[in-house]
Amino acid sequence: MTCLKKKSLFVSILLIFTVALAAFAPVFANERTTNQISTKETDRNSYYASVFQNLVDSFPTISIDTEYGIMDVVRYPDDYAGAYIDECNNLHIALTADTYAETEHTYQKILNDADVIFDTAKFSVFTLYEIQRSLNPVMEKFSIEATRP
């Protein structure tokens, strides 16, 4: 086989491979999208746990002085009131009523999932944690391990 024929054969094979790859590229792209959707549909709890983690990662951290030393903790925004995954594995984000509409839009962008459910609450998580931190020394002093509603 001459050198020209070898080059011609190589170019032909390369051209066939390129055309085949281009023809199947949409199939590979759809498969990736299907895998993302199927993760949401087959394991919603894990999916929404990771979606929620994106929101938590967007919050700043602060250093606080505890009985165990300085700790870095998430500084929840004043309008964030908590989150939970319900019995149907739907993610709920609770916001305080005074900033609900503005914050919902911002969080929706971070979460990047239109199925997240937004609820309202009276108190922010930060406020509740501050109350809990202020009660801890009193509870320890009187050997109170837990409270009930």
C-alpha atoms as a PDB file:
ATOM      1  CA  MET A   1       0.000   0.000   0.000  1.00  0.00           C
ATOM      2  CA  THR A   2       1.418   3.351  -0.961  1.00  0.00           C
ATOM      3  CA  CYS A   3       1.864   6.233   1.415  1.00  0.00           C
ATOM      4  CA  LEU A   4      -0.922   8.204  -0.290  1.00  0.00           C
ATOM      5  CA  LYS A   5      -3.361   5.304   0.073  1.00  0.00           C
ATOM      6  CA  LYS A   6      -2.464   4.923   3.766  1.00  0.00           C
ATOM      7  CA  LYS A   7      -3.117   8.636   4.380  1.00  0.00           C
ATOM      8  CA  SER A   8      -6.365   8.393   2.443  1.00  0.00           C
ATOM      9  CA  LEU A   9      -7.489   5.398   4.481  1.00  0.00           C
ATOM     10  CA  PHE A  10      -6.546   7.138   7.748  1.00  0.00           C
ATOM     11  CA  VAL A  11      -8.444  10.326   6.771  1.00  0.00           C
ATOM     12  CA  SER A  12     -11.476   8.251   5.751  1.00  0.00           C
ATOM     13  CA  ILE A  13     -11.528   6.392   9.073  1.00  0.00           C
ATOM     14  CA  LEU A  14     -11.088   9.642  10.987  1.00  0.00           C
ATOM     15  CA  LEU A  15     -13.920  11.235   8.995  1.00  0.00           C
ATOM     16  CA  ILE A  16     -16.253   8.272   9.667  1.00  0.00           C
ATOM     17  CA  PHE A  17     -15.396   8.383  13.384  1.00  0.00           C
ATOM     18  CA  THR A  18     -16.067  12.149  13.550  1.00  0.00           C
ATOM     19  CA  VAL A  19     -19.415  11.822  11.771  1.00  0.00           C
ATOM     20  CA  ALA A  20     -20.458   8.959  14.062  1.00  0.00           C
ATOM     21  CA  LEU A  21     -19.441  10.915  17.150  1.00  0.00           C
ATOM     22  CA  ALA A  22     -21.387  13.970  15.984  1.00  0.00           C
ATOM     23  CA  ALA A  23     -24.433  11.811  15.280  1.00  0.00           C
ATOM     24  CA  PHE A  24     -24.424  10.305  18.783  1.00  0.00           C
ATOM     25  CA  ALA A  25     -23.548  13.489  20.724  1.00  0.00           C
ATOM     26  CA  PRO A  26     -27.213  14.410  21.303  1.00  0.00           C
ATOM     27  CA  VAL A  27     -27.861  10.899  22.639  1.00  0.00           C
ATOM     28  CA  PHE A  28     -25.025  11.279  25.164  1.00  0.00           C
ATOM     29  CA  ALA A  29     -26.291  14.730  26.193  1.00  0.00           C
ATOM     30  CA  ASN A  30     -29.830  13.404  26.718  1.00  0.00           C
ATOM     31  CA  GLU A  31     -28.470  10.497  28.747  1.00  0.00           C
ATOM     32  CA  ARG A  32     -26.719  12.914  31.098  1.00  0.00           C
ATOM     33  CA  THR A  33     -29.930  14.952  31.554  1.00  0.00           C
ATOM     34  CA  THR A  34     -31.915  11.767  32.097  1.00  0.00           C
ATOM     35  CA  ASN A  35     -29.445  10.659  34.791  1.00  0.00           C
ATOM     36  CA  GLN A  36     -29.839  13.984  36.596  1.00  0.00           C
ATOM     37  CA  ILE A  37     -33.621  13.762  36.440  1.00  0.00           C
ATOM     38  CA  SER A  38     -33.646  10.125  37.480  1.00  0.00           C
ATOM     39  CA  THR A  39     -31.544  10.912  40.573  1.00  0.00           C
ATOM     40  CA  LYS A  40     -34.172  13.432  41.620  1.00  0.00           C
ATOM     41  CA  GLU A  41     -36.953  10.959  40.919  1.00  0.00           C
ATOM     42  CA  THR A  42     -35.342   7.831  42.359  1.00  0.00           C
ATOM     43  CA  ASP A  43     -33.654   9.254  45.463  1.00  0.00           C
ATOM     44  CA  ARG A  44     -35.370  12.554  46.223  1.00  0.00           C
ATOM     45  CA  ASN A  45     -34.173  12.633  49.812  1.00  0.00           C
ATOM     46  CA  SER A  46     -30.487  12.525  48.856  1.00  0.00           C
ATOM     47  CA  TYR A  47     -31.091  14.846  45.920  1.00  0.00           C
ATOM     48  CA  TYR A  48     -32.748  17.480  48.094  1.00  0.00           C
ATOM     49  CA  ALA A  49     -30.149  17.078  50.827  1.00  0.00           C
ATOM     50  CA  SER A  50     -27.486  18.064  48.292  1.00  0.00           C
ATOM     51  CA  VAL A  51     -29.654  20.893  46.907  1.00  0.00           C
ATOM     52  CA  PHE A  52     -30.122  22.179  50.458  1.00  0.00           C
ATOM     53  CA  GLN A  53     -26.383  21.956  51.107  1.00  0.00           C
ATOM     54  CA  ASN A  54     -25.882  24.443  48.242  1.00  0.00           C
ATOM     55  CA  LEU A  55     -28.014  26.918  50.167  1.00  0.00           C
ATOM     56  CA  VAL A  56     -26.156  26.367  53.451  1.00  0.00           C
ATOM     57  CA  ASP A  57     -22.828  26.741  51.651  1.00  0.00           C
ATOM     58  CA  SER A  58     -23.966  30.176  50.455  1.00  0.00           C
ATOM     59  CA  PHE A  59     -24.340  31.415  54.058  1.00  0.00           C
ATOM     60  CA  PRO A  60     -21.358  33.043  55.777  1.00  0.00           C
ATOM     61  CA  THR A  61     -19.642  31.533  58.808  1.00  0.00           C
ATOM     62  CA  ILE A  62     -18.773  33.251  62.068  1.00  0.00           C
ATOM     63  CA  SER A  63     -16.536  32.326  64.981  1.00  0.00           C
ATOM     64  CA  ILE A  64     -18.212  31.938  68.356  1.00  0.00           C
ATOM     65  CA  ASP A  65     -16.744  31.321  71.795  1.00  0.00           C
ATOM     66  CA  THR A  66     -18.180  28.177  73.359  1.00  0.00           C
ATOM     67  CA  GLU A  67     -17.326  26.155  76.447  1.00  0.00           C
ATOM     68  CA  TYR A  68     -15.301  23.939  74.094  1.00  0.00           C
ATOM     69  CA  GLY A  69     -13.366  26.857  72.588  1.00  0.00           C
ATOM     70  CA  ILE A  70     -13.749  28.949  69.464  1.00  0.00           C
ATOM     71  CA  MET A  71     -15.947  27.314  66.823  1.00  0.00           C
ATOM     72  CA  ASP A  72     -16.829  28.368  63.290  1.00  0.00           C
ATOM     73  CA  VAL A  73     -20.565  28.069  62.724  1.00  0.00           C
ATOM     74  CA  VAL A  74     -22.930  29.012  59.950  1.00  0.00           C
ATOM     75  CA  ARG A  75     -24.345  32.520  60.411  1.00  0.00           C
ATOM     76  CA  TYR A  76     -27.883  31.986  59.207  1.00  0.00           C
ATOM     77  CA  PRO A  77     -29.486  35.085  57.680  1.00  0.00           C
ATOM     78  CA  ASP A  78     -32.124  36.874  59.740  1.00  0.00           C
ATOM     79  CA  ASP A  79     -34.827  35.863  57.251  1.00  0.00           C
ATOM     80  CA  TYR A  80     -33.955  32.139  57.133  1.00  0.00           C
ATOM     81  CA  ALA A  81     -36.201  30.105  59.445  1.00  0.00           C
ATOM     82  CA  GLY A  82     -35.144  26.536  58.676  1.00  0.00           C
ATOM     83  CA  ALA A  83     -35.615  23.676  56.257  1.00  0.00           C
ATOM     84  CA  TYR A  84     -36.938  20.154  56.228  1.00  0.00           C
ATOM     85  CA  ILE A  85     -37.740  17.302  53.854  1.00  0.00           C
ATOM     86  CA  ASP A  86     -41.337  16.165  54.285  1.00  0.00           C
ATOM     87  CA  GLU A  87     -42.776  12.640  54.195  1.00  0.00           C
ATOM     88  CA  CYS A  88     -43.072  12.849  50.385  1.00  0.00           C
ATOM     89  CA  ASN A  89     -39.385  13.847  50.118  1.00  0.00           C
ATOM     90  CA  ASN A  90     -40.146  17.437  49.137  1.00  0.00           C
ATOM     91  CA  LEU A  91     -37.725  20.107  50.307  1.00  0.00           C
ATOM     92  CA  HIS A  92     -39.285  22.950  52.322  1.00  0.00           C
ATOM     93  CA  ILE A  93     -37.448  26.181  53.100  1.00  0.00           C
ATOM     94  CA  ALA A  94     -38.987  28.349  55.826  1.00  0.00           C
ATOM     95  CA  LEU A  95     -38.534  32.121  55.721  1.00  0.00           C
ATOM     96  CA  THR A  96     -39.656  34.874  58.050  1.00  0.00           C
ATOM     97  CA  ALA A  97     -42.732  36.685  56.781  1.00  0.00           C
ATOM     98  CA  ASP A  98     -41.200  40.169  56.646  1.00  0.00           C
ATOM     99  CA  THR A  99     -38.729  39.354  53.823  1.00  0.00           C
ATOM    100  CA  TYR A 100     -40.421  36.374  52.237  1.00  0.00           C
ATOM    101  CA  ALA A 101     -40.825  37.481  48.581  1.00  0.00           C
ATOM    102  CA  GLU A 102     -37.360  38.987  48.099  1.00  0.00           C
ATOM    103  CA  THR A 103     -35.571  36.134  49.835  1.00  0.00           C
ATOM    104  CA  GLU A 104     -37.547  33.414  48.076  1.00  0.00           C
ATOM    105  CA  HIS A 105     -36.346  34.721  44.717  1.00  0.00           C
ATOM    106  CA  THR A 106     -32.709  34.821  45.893  1.00  0.00           C
ATOM    107  CA  TYR A 107     -32.830  31.346  47.416  1.00  0.00           C
ATOM    108  CA  GLN A 108     -34.593  29.938  44.356  1.00  0.00           C
ATOM    109  CA  LYS A 109     -31.593  30.971  42.251  1.00  0.00           C
ATOM    110  CA  ILE A 110     -29.178  29.288  44.670  1.00  0.00           C
ATOM    111  CA  LEU A 111     -31.241  26.094  44.966  1.00  0.00           C
ATOM    112  CA  ASN A 112     -31.851  25.906  41.212  1.00  0.00           C
ATOM    113  CA  ASP A 113     -34.945  23.731  41.590  1.00  0.00           C
ATOM    114  CA  ALA A 114     -38.466  24.990  40.900  1.00  0.00           C
ATOM    115  CA  ASP A 115     -40.041  22.234  43.026  1.00  0.00           C
ATOM    116  CA  VAL A 116     -38.701  23.544  46.341  1.00  0.00           C
ATOM    117  CA  ILE A 117     -41.578  24.614  48.609  1.00  0.00           C
ATOM    118  CA  PHE A 118     -41.285  27.865  50.570  1.00  0.00           C
ATOM    119  CA  ASP A 119     -43.066  28.306  53.919  1.00  0.00           C
ATOM    120  CA  THR A 120     -43.258  31.181  56.395  1.00  0.00           C
ATOM    121  CA  ALA A 121     -42.326  31.194  60.082  1.00  0.00           C
ATOM    122  CA  LYS A 122     -42.370  33.694  62.944  1.00  0.00           C
ATOM    123  CA  PHE A 123     -38.750  33.387  64.048  1.00  0.00           C
ATOM    124  CA  SER A 124     -35.478  32.980  62.212  1.00  0.00           C
ATOM    125  CA  VAL A 125     -33.119  30.102  62.944  1.00  0.00           C
ATOM    126  CA  PHE A 126     -30.503  32.591  64.108  1.00  0.00           C
ATOM    127  CA  THR A 127     -32.919  33.981  66.727  1.00  0.00           C
ATOM    128  CA  LEU A 128     -33.782  30.478  67.945  1.00  0.00           C
ATOM    129  CA  TYR A 129     -30.111  29.490  68.192  1.00  0.00           C
ATOM    130  CA  GLU A 130     -29.362  32.656  70.183  1.00  0.00           C
ATOM    131  CA  ILE A 131     -32.153  31.759  72.624  1.00  0.00           C
ATOM    132  CA  GLN A 132     -30.828  28.211  72.875  1.00  0.00           C
ATOM    133  CA  ARG A 133     -27.273  29.454  73.545  1.00  0.00           C
ATOM    134  CA  SER A 134     -28.522  31.775  76.270  1.00  0.00           C
ATOM    135  CA  LEU A 135     -30.465  28.923  77.933  1.00  0.00           C
ATOM    136  CA  ASN A 136     -27.616  26.384  77.854  1.00  0.00           C
ATOM    137  CA  PRO A 137     -25.808  27.693  80.980  1.00  0.00           C
ATOM    138  CA  VAL A 138     -29.050  27.759  82.999  1.00  0.00           C
ATOM    139  CA  MET A 139     -29.961  24.249  81.881  1.00  0.00           C
ATOM    140  CA  GLU A 140     -26.526  22.969  82.840  1.00  0.00           C
ATOM    141  CA  LYS A 141     -26.678  24.737  86.214  1.00  0.00           C
ATOM    142  CA  PHE A 142     -29.942  22.977  87.088  1.00  0.00           C
ATOM    143  CA  SER A 143     -29.034  19.676  85.332  1.00  0.00           C
ATOM    144  CA  ILE A 144     -31.811  20.043  82.766  1.00  0.00           C
ATOM    145  CA  GLU A 145     -30.966  17.816  79.830  1.00  0.00           C
ATOM    146  CA  ALA A 146     -33.853  18.625  77.501  1.00  0.00           C
ATOM    147  CA  THR A 147     -37.144  20.445  77.291  1.00  0.00           C
ATOM    148  CA  ARG A 148     -40.466  19.528  75.747  1.00  0.00           C
ATOM    149  CA  PRO A 149     -43.112  21.736  74.200  1.00  0.00           C
END
